[in-house]
């Protein structure tokens, strides 16, 4: 089961179809992130700070700038204390790596 759905690349403003060699766009959804996290998170689901189990997953990807590029991240936040976990969206398969590898 893929973690995220693939959509064709957007067409140009002239309305032409995408090029056959165009890289498909990847989409992120909180549902895909939740499925990926559930598949990979083993053990207790309690927050390591407050021990609650009341999580929210970010509706959009975040980005942290690093040296020459940004790292796309899915965030999961404890709704009781605000503790956040960040998941690399390339490793999770939500977006492709720039060079084609994670």
Protein backbone atom coordinates (compact mmCIF):
# COMPACT_ATOMS: atom_id res chain seq x y z
CA UNK A 1 0.00 0.00 0.00
CA UNK A 2 1.67 3.28 -1.06
CA UNK A 3 1.95 5.98 1.60
CA UNK A 4 0.88 8.77 -0.73
CA UNK A 5 -0.96 9.02 -3.99
CA UNK A 6 0.72 10.09 -7.20
CA UNK A 7 -0.90 12.63 -9.48
CA UNK A 8 0.21 13.47 -13.00
CA UNK A 9 2.34 16.57 -13.35
CA UNK A 10 0.31 19.69 -13.91
CA UNK A 11 -0.09 20.67 -17.50
CA UNK A 12 1.36 23.87 -18.82
CA UNK A 13 -0.68 27.04 -19.01
CA UNK A 14 -1.35 26.33 -22.70
CA UNK A 15 -3.53 23.39 -21.64
CA UNK A 16 -1.31 20.73 -23.24
CA UNK A 17 -0.95 17.30 -21.68
CA UNK A 18 2.03 16.59 -19.42
CA UNK A 19 5.19 15.41 -21.11
CA UNK A 20 5.55 11.62 -21.02
CA UNK A 21 8.94 12.00 -19.30
CA UNK A 22 7.61 14.39 -16.64
CA UNK A 23 8.18 13.35 -13.04
CA UNK A 24 4.86 12.67 -11.30
CA UNK A 25 3.88 15.05 -8.52
CA UNK A 26 3.46 13.50 -5.09
CA UNK A 27 0.74 14.58 -2.74
CA UNK A 28 0.72 14.62 1.03
CA UNK A 29 -2.29 14.06 3.23
CA UNK A 30 -2.65 13.72 7.00
CA UNK A 31 -4.39 10.39 6.36
CA UNK A 32 -1.36 9.07 4.46
CA UNK A 33 0.93 10.29 7.25
CA UNK A 34 -1.25 8.65 9.89
CA UNK A 35 -1.20 5.34 8.01
CA UNK A 36 2.60 5.51 7.63
CA UNK A 37 3.11 6.37 11.31
CA UNK A 38 0.79 3.57 12.46
CA UNK A 39 2.67 1.08 10.29
CA UNK A 40 6.06 2.16 11.66
CA UNK A 41 5.38 3.09 15.30
CA UNK A 42 5.82 0.04 17.52
CA UNK A 43 5.23 0.06 21.25
CA UNK A 44 3.31 2.55 23.35
CA UNK A 45 1.81 5.62 21.72
CA UNK A 46 2.04 7.87 24.77
CA UNK A 47 3.71 11.27 24.47
CA UNK A 48 7.24 11.04 25.88
CA UNK A 49 6.77 14.36 27.69
CA UNK A 50 3.29 14.26 29.28
CA UNK A 51 2.24 10.61 28.70
CA UNK A 52 -1.01 11.62 26.96
CA UNK A 53 -2.16 9.86 23.80
CA UNK A 54 -3.85 12.77 22.03
CA UNK A 55 -2.04 13.47 18.73
CA UNK A 56 -2.68 15.68 15.72
CA UNK A 57 -0.96 15.33 12.34
CA UNK A 58 -0.07 18.44 10.33
CA UNK A 59 -2.41 19.18 7.41
CA UNK A 60 0.57 20.30 5.30
CA UNK A 61 4.25 19.47 5.11
CA UNK A 62 6.72 21.70 6.94
CA UNK A 63 10.23 22.49 5.72
CA UNK A 64 13.43 23.02 7.65
CA UNK A 65 16.16 24.78 5.70
CA UNK A 66 19.45 22.90 5.71
CA UNK A 67 22.70 24.04 4.05
CA UNK A 68 21.65 24.07 0.37
CA UNK A 69 18.17 22.55 0.50
CA UNK A 70 15.05 22.25 2.63
CA UNK A 71 14.00 19.03 4.30
CA UNK A 72 10.24 18.34 3.94
CA UNK A 73 8.66 17.10 7.16
CA UNK A 74 5.35 15.75 8.40
CA UNK A 75 4.68 16.92 11.97
CA UNK A 76 2.75 15.13 14.70
CA UNK A 77 1.86 17.22 17.76
CA UNK A 78 0.66 16.20 21.21
CA UNK A 79 -2.52 18.21 21.76
CA UNK A 80 -2.04 18.18 25.54
CA UNK A 81 1.50 19.60 25.90
CA UNK A 82 2.62 20.60 22.39
CA UNK A 83 5.47 18.10 22.05
CA UNK A 84 6.21 17.55 18.34
CA UNK A 85 7.62 14.67 16.36
CA UNK A 86 8.93 15.33 12.86
CA UNK A 87 9.06 12.70 10.11
CA UNK A 88 11.18 13.07 6.98
CA UNK A 89 8.67 13.16 4.08
CA UNK A 90 11.23 11.79 1.59
CA UNK A 91 12.00 8.74 3.74
CA UNK A 92 8.28 8.20 4.36
CA UNK A 93 7.62 8.38 0.60
CA UNK A 94 5.38 11.46 0.59
CA UNK A 95 7.68 13.34 -1.79
CA UNK A 96 10.52 12.18 -4.08
CA UNK A 97 14.14 12.93 -3.28
CA UNK A 98 15.71 15.50 -5.57
CA UNK A 99 18.19 12.93 -6.87
CA UNK A 100 15.63 10.12 -6.92
CA UNK A 101 16.86 8.39 -3.73
CA UNK A 102 15.83 8.85 -0.07
